[in-house]
Amino acid sequence: MAVRIAPSILTADFANLEAELARLRTADLIHVDVMDGHFVPNLTIGLPVVRRLVQVSPLPLDLHLMVSEPDRWAPQFAAAGAGSVTFHAEAAKAPVRLARELHAQGVGVGVAVNPATPVAAIADLIGEIDMILVMSVEPGFGAQPFIEHSLTKLSQARDLVKRSGRAIDIQVDGGADRNTVGPIARAGATVIVAGSAIFSAVDAAAEIAALRALANAGLEA
């Protein structure tokens, strides 16, 4: 299975988001970080902006909700037109009910774990989700260095998925660049989020292609 690249717009020019999205049309998904200033110490965008992004995006939106009340907000973001919605295991009060509610709305469901949260903490949710998101930086800000222990967690997530017998994606978010995507893919990631590596490049499409090629080469190593 080829690795998919999901550019994160966290480091995009927020005054020109439609133009920034157009630069990403050769990617696989558009990763959108929604932060509430409570679960993480940063504030990004809300429902009105996401609704507009859905209208102008050339690719499905992969929403990552870093919010303290996902049980309340995730269904509203699903209704806004997202392709998938990921909530944090550390924040959800009733994760099984929430996952089922999101599926009933026709969106993919992901569960994220912070760097200090073991993958085993979401083992009981494996039958309810479509994706595991391993945070490879502390959530809240872009352009952070990759946490090496995340490779171990990706391998653990891969083993969990294999035992489940289900087709579940493993996504990694944070610190992905040309130096890290190979090991990330080899450890088990099937979807790689990259932000500053893509938006700092002169040619975003060329950078997306390079990251995809290096990640897939990592699978074969």
Protein backbone atom coordinates (compact mmCIF):
# COMPACT_ATOMS: atom_id res chain seq x y z
CA MET A 1 0.00 0.00 0.00
CA ALA A 2 1.44 3.39 -1.01
CA VAL A 3 1.91 5.99 1.68
CA ARG A 4 -0.38 9.00 1.44
CA ILE A 5 0.77 12.57 2.07
CA ALA A 6 -1.52 14.97 3.94
CA PRO A 7 -0.20 18.55 4.01
CA SER A 8 -1.10 20.43 7.17
CA ILE A 9 -2.27 24.00 6.62
CA LEU A 10 -1.17 25.01 10.12
CA THR A 11 1.88 26.72 8.60
CA ALA A 12 0.03 28.07 5.55
CA ASP A 13 -0.69 31.73 4.85
CA PHE A 14 -4.05 32.10 6.58
CA ALA A 15 -4.78 35.29 4.64
CA ASN A 16 -4.66 33.33 1.35
CA LEU A 17 -5.96 29.88 2.20
CA GLU A 18 -7.71 29.24 -1.10
CA ALA A 19 -4.49 29.93 -3.01
CA GLU A 20 -2.52 27.81 -0.52
CA LEU A 21 -4.92 24.89 -1.02
CA ALA A 22 -4.45 25.13 -4.77
CA ARG A 23 -0.71 24.53 -4.25
CA LEU A 24 -1.55 21.20 -2.57
CA ARG A 25 -3.72 19.59 -5.22
CA THR A 26 -1.15 16.83 -5.91
CA ALA A 27 -1.37 15.60 -2.31
CA ASP A 28 -3.82 12.97 -1.05
CA LEU A 29 -5.63 14.81 1.74
CA ILE A 30 -5.62 18.26 3.34
CA HIS A 31 -4.92 18.09 7.08
CA VAL A 32 -6.69 20.81 9.06
CA ASP A 33 -5.78 21.38 12.71
CA VAL A 34 -8.61 22.78 14.80
CA MET A 35 -7.36 24.08 18.16
CA ASP A 36 -9.46 25.66 20.88
CA GLY A 37 -6.84 27.27 23.13
CA HIS A 38 -7.85 24.91 25.98
CA PHE A 39 -6.82 21.38 25.05
CA VAL A 40 -3.70 22.88 23.48
CA PRO A 41 -2.18 26.33 24.06
CA ASN A 42 -3.03 27.66 20.62
CA LEU A 43 -6.12 28.85 18.76
CA THR A 44 -6.62 28.27 15.05
CA ILE A 45 -9.87 28.08 13.09
CA GLY A 46 -13.51 27.21 13.72
CA LEU A 47 -16.60 25.98 11.95
CA PRO A 48 -17.20 28.94 9.59
CA VAL A 49 -13.68 28.68 8.15
CA VAL A 50 -13.90 24.89 7.80
CA ARG A 51 -17.21 25.20 5.95
CA ARG A 52 -15.58 27.57 3.48
CA LEU A 53 -12.49 25.39 3.12
CA VAL A 54 -14.70 22.45 2.18
CA GLN A 55 -16.12 24.55 -0.65
CA VAL A 56 -12.76 25.52 -2.14
CA SER A 57 -10.48 22.57 -1.33
CA PRO A 58 -9.35 20.40 -4.25
CA LEU A 59 -9.04 17.43 -1.85
CA PRO A 60 -10.99 15.96 1.08
CA LEU A 61 -10.39 17.63 4.43
CA ASP A 62 -8.85 15.52 7.19
CA LEU A 63 -9.84 17.36 10.37
CA HIS A 64 -7.73 16.96 13.51
CA LEU A 65 -9.66 18.29 16.50
CA MET A 66 -7.36 19.37 19.31
CA VAL A 67 -10.26 20.53 21.44
CA SER A 68 -11.36 19.86 25.00
CA GLU A 69 -14.95 18.92 24.10
CA PRO A 70 -14.82 16.69 21.02
CA ASP A 71 -18.06 14.95 22.00
CA ARG A 72 -19.78 18.30 21.45
CA TRP A 73 -17.82 19.65 18.50
CA ALA A 74 -16.82 16.69 16.35
CA PRO A 75 -20.33 16.02 14.96
CA GLN A 76 -20.64 19.67 13.99
CA PHE A 77 -17.36 19.56 12.08
CA ALA A 78 -18.47 16.35 10.39
CA ALA A 79 -21.66 18.10 9.32
CA ALA A 80 -19.53 20.91 7.85
CA GLY A 81 -18.38 18.52 5.12
CA ALA A 82 -15.13 16.97 6.33
CA GLY A 83 -13.95 13.73 4.80
CA SER A 84 -12.66 12.50 8.15
CA VAL A 85 -12.63 13.73 11.73
CA THR A 86 -10.03 12.78 14.33
CA PHE A 87 -10.51 13.44 18.04
CA HIS A 88 -8.11 12.91 20.93
CA ALA A 89 -8.38 9.91 23.21
CA GLU A 90 -7.31 12.16 26.07
CA ALA A 91 -10.30 14.49 25.56
CA ALA A 92 -13.31 12.37 24.56
CA LYS A 93 -15.77 11.52 27.32
CA ALA A 94 -17.64 8.79 25.39
CA PRO A 95 -15.35 7.81 22.50
CA VAL A 96 -17.33 4.77 21.31
CA ARG A 97 -20.56 6.73 21.15
CA LEU A 98 -18.78 9.60 19.42
CA ALA A 99 -17.16 7.33 16.83
CA ARG A 100 -20.51 5.75 16.03
CA GLU A 101 -22.19 9.14 15.75
CA LEU A 102 -19.52 10.31 13.31
CA HIS A 103 -19.81 7.15 11.23
CA ALA A 104 -23.57 7.68 11.09
CA GLN A 105 -22.80 11.07 9.51
CA GLY A 106 -20.76 9.37 6.81
CA VAL A 107 -17.25 10.50 7.74
CA GLY A 108 -14.07 8.58 8.53
CA VAL A 109 -13.18 8.45 12.22
CA GLY A 110 -9.72 8.79 13.71
CA VAL A 111 -8.45 8.71 17.29
CA ALA A 112 -5.26 10.57 18.21
CA VAL A 113 -2.81 9.87 21.02
CA ASN A 114 -0.38 12.41 22.43
CA PRO A 115 3.32 11.56 22.82
CA ALA A 116 2.86 10.52 26.47
CA THR A 117 -0.25 8.39 25.80
CA PRO A 118 0.44 4.72 25.06
CA VAL A 119 -1.09 3.16 21.97
CA ALA A 120 -2.56 0.48 24.22
CA ALA A 121 -4.90 3.12 25.64
CA ILE A 122 -7.02 2.96 22.48
CA ALA A 123 -7.00 -0.82 22.01
CA ASP A 124 -10.66 -1.09 23.01
CA LEU A 125 -11.61 1.42 20.29
CA ILE A 126 -10.02 -0.47 17.42
CA GLY A 127 -13.34 -1.86 16.22
CA GLU A 128 -14.88 1.62 16.03
CA ILE A 129 -12.30 3.65 14.10
CA ASP A 130 -10.75 4.03 10.66
CA MET A 131 -7.46 5.64 11.68
CA ILE A 132 -4.99 5.92 14.54
CA LEU A 133 -3.12 9.23 14.72
CA VAL A 134 0.22 9.08 16.51
CA MET A 135 1.35 12.54 17.54
CA SER A 136 5.11 12.75 16.99
CA VAL A 137 5.35 16.23 18.55
CA GLU A 138 3.51 17.84 21.44
CA PRO A 139 0.26 19.10 19.89
CA GLY A 140 -0.38 22.81 19.47
CA PHE A 141 2.29 24.26 17.21
CA GLY A 142 3.95 23.50 13.89
CA ALA A 143 7.64 23.25 13.01
CA GLN A 144 8.61 21.11 16.01
CA PRO A 145 11.31 18.42 15.81
CA PHE A 146 10.24 14.79 15.46
CA ILE A 147 10.12 12.76 18.69
CA GLU A 148 12.12 9.59 17.96
CA HIS A 149 10.12 7.42 20.36
CA SER A 150 7.18 7.90 17.99
CA LEU A 151 8.72 5.23 15.74
CA THR A 152 8.17 2.67 18.49
CA LYS A 153 4.59 3.83 18.91
CA LEU A 154 3.98 3.55 15.18
CA SER A 155 5.20 -0.05 15.28
CA GLN A 156 2.88 -0.73 18.22
CA ALA A 157 -0.02 0.80 16.30
CA ARG A 158 0.82 -1.36 13.29
CA ASP A 159 0.78 -4.48 15.49
CA LEU A 160 -2.55 -3.45 17.01
CA VAL A 161 -4.08 -2.96 13.57
CA LYS A 162 -2.69 -6.29 12.33
CA ARG A 163 -4.21 -8.15 15.27
CA SER A 164 -7.56 -6.48 14.63
CA GLY A 165 -7.74 -7.78 11.07
CA ARG A 166 -9.24 -4.48 9.99
CA ALA A 167 -8.08 -2.01 7.35
CA ILE A 168 -7.14 0.91 9.60
CA ASP A 169 -4.83 3.74 8.58
CA ILE A 170 -1.96 4.82 10.81
CA GLN A 171 -1.26 8.52 10.60
CA VAL A 172 1.68 10.43 12.04
CA ASP A 173 1.66 14.15 12.69
CA GLY A 174 4.68 16.28 13.53
CA GLY A 175 8.23 16.72 12.34
CA ALA A 176 7.85 14.91 9.02
CA ASP A 177 10.41 15.95 6.40
CA ARG A 178 12.78 14.36 3.89
CA ASN A 179 14.95 13.00 6.69
CA THR A 180 12.17 11.36 8.70
CA VAL A 181 9.52 10.12 6.24
CA GLY A 182 11.45 6.96 5.33
CA PRO A 183 11.77 5.67 8.91
CA ILE A 184 8.20 6.83 9.64
CA ALA A 185 6.80 4.75 6.78
CA ARG A 186 9.00 1.77 7.65
CA ALA A 187 7.67 1.87 11.24
CA GLY A 188 4.08 1.56 10.03
CA ALA A 189 2.61 4.91 9.01
CA THR A 190 0.26 4.87 6.03
CA VAL A 191 -0.64 8.59 6.12
CA ILE A 192 2.03 11.21 6.81
CA VAL A 193 1.13 14.75 7.79
CA ALA A 194 3.69 17.37 6.75
CA GLY A 195 3.39 21.10 7.21
CA SER A 196 6.46 23.31 7.32
CA ALA A 197 8.43 20.95 5.04
CA ILE A 198 5.89 21.58 2.29
CA PHE A 199 5.03 25.21 2.87
CA SER A 200 8.68 26.27 3.20
CA ALA A 201 9.45 24.76 -0.21
CA VAL A 202 9.47 26.93 -3.31
CA ASP A 203 7.58 24.23 -5.21
CA ALA A 204 5.00 22.55 -2.97
CA ALA A 205 4.08 19.95 -5.58
CA ALA A 206 7.71 18.92 -5.99
CA GLU A 207 8.12 18.62 -2.23
CA ILE A 208 4.98 16.50 -1.93
CA ALA A 209 6.32 14.22 -4.67
CA ALA A 210 9.71 13.96 -2.95
CA LEU A 211 8.17 13.12 0.43
CA ARG A 212 5.90 10.51 -1.14
CA ALA A 213 8.81 8.90 -3.01
CA LEU A 214 11.05 8.81 0.06
CA ALA A 215 8.26 7.39 2.22
CA ASN A 216 7.51 4.61 -0.26
CA ALA A 217 11.22 3.89 -0.61
CA GLY A 218 11.26 3.52 3.18
CA LEU A 219 8.63 0.79 2.90
CA GLU A 220 10.91 -1.18 0.62
CA ALA A 221 14.08 -0.75 2.69
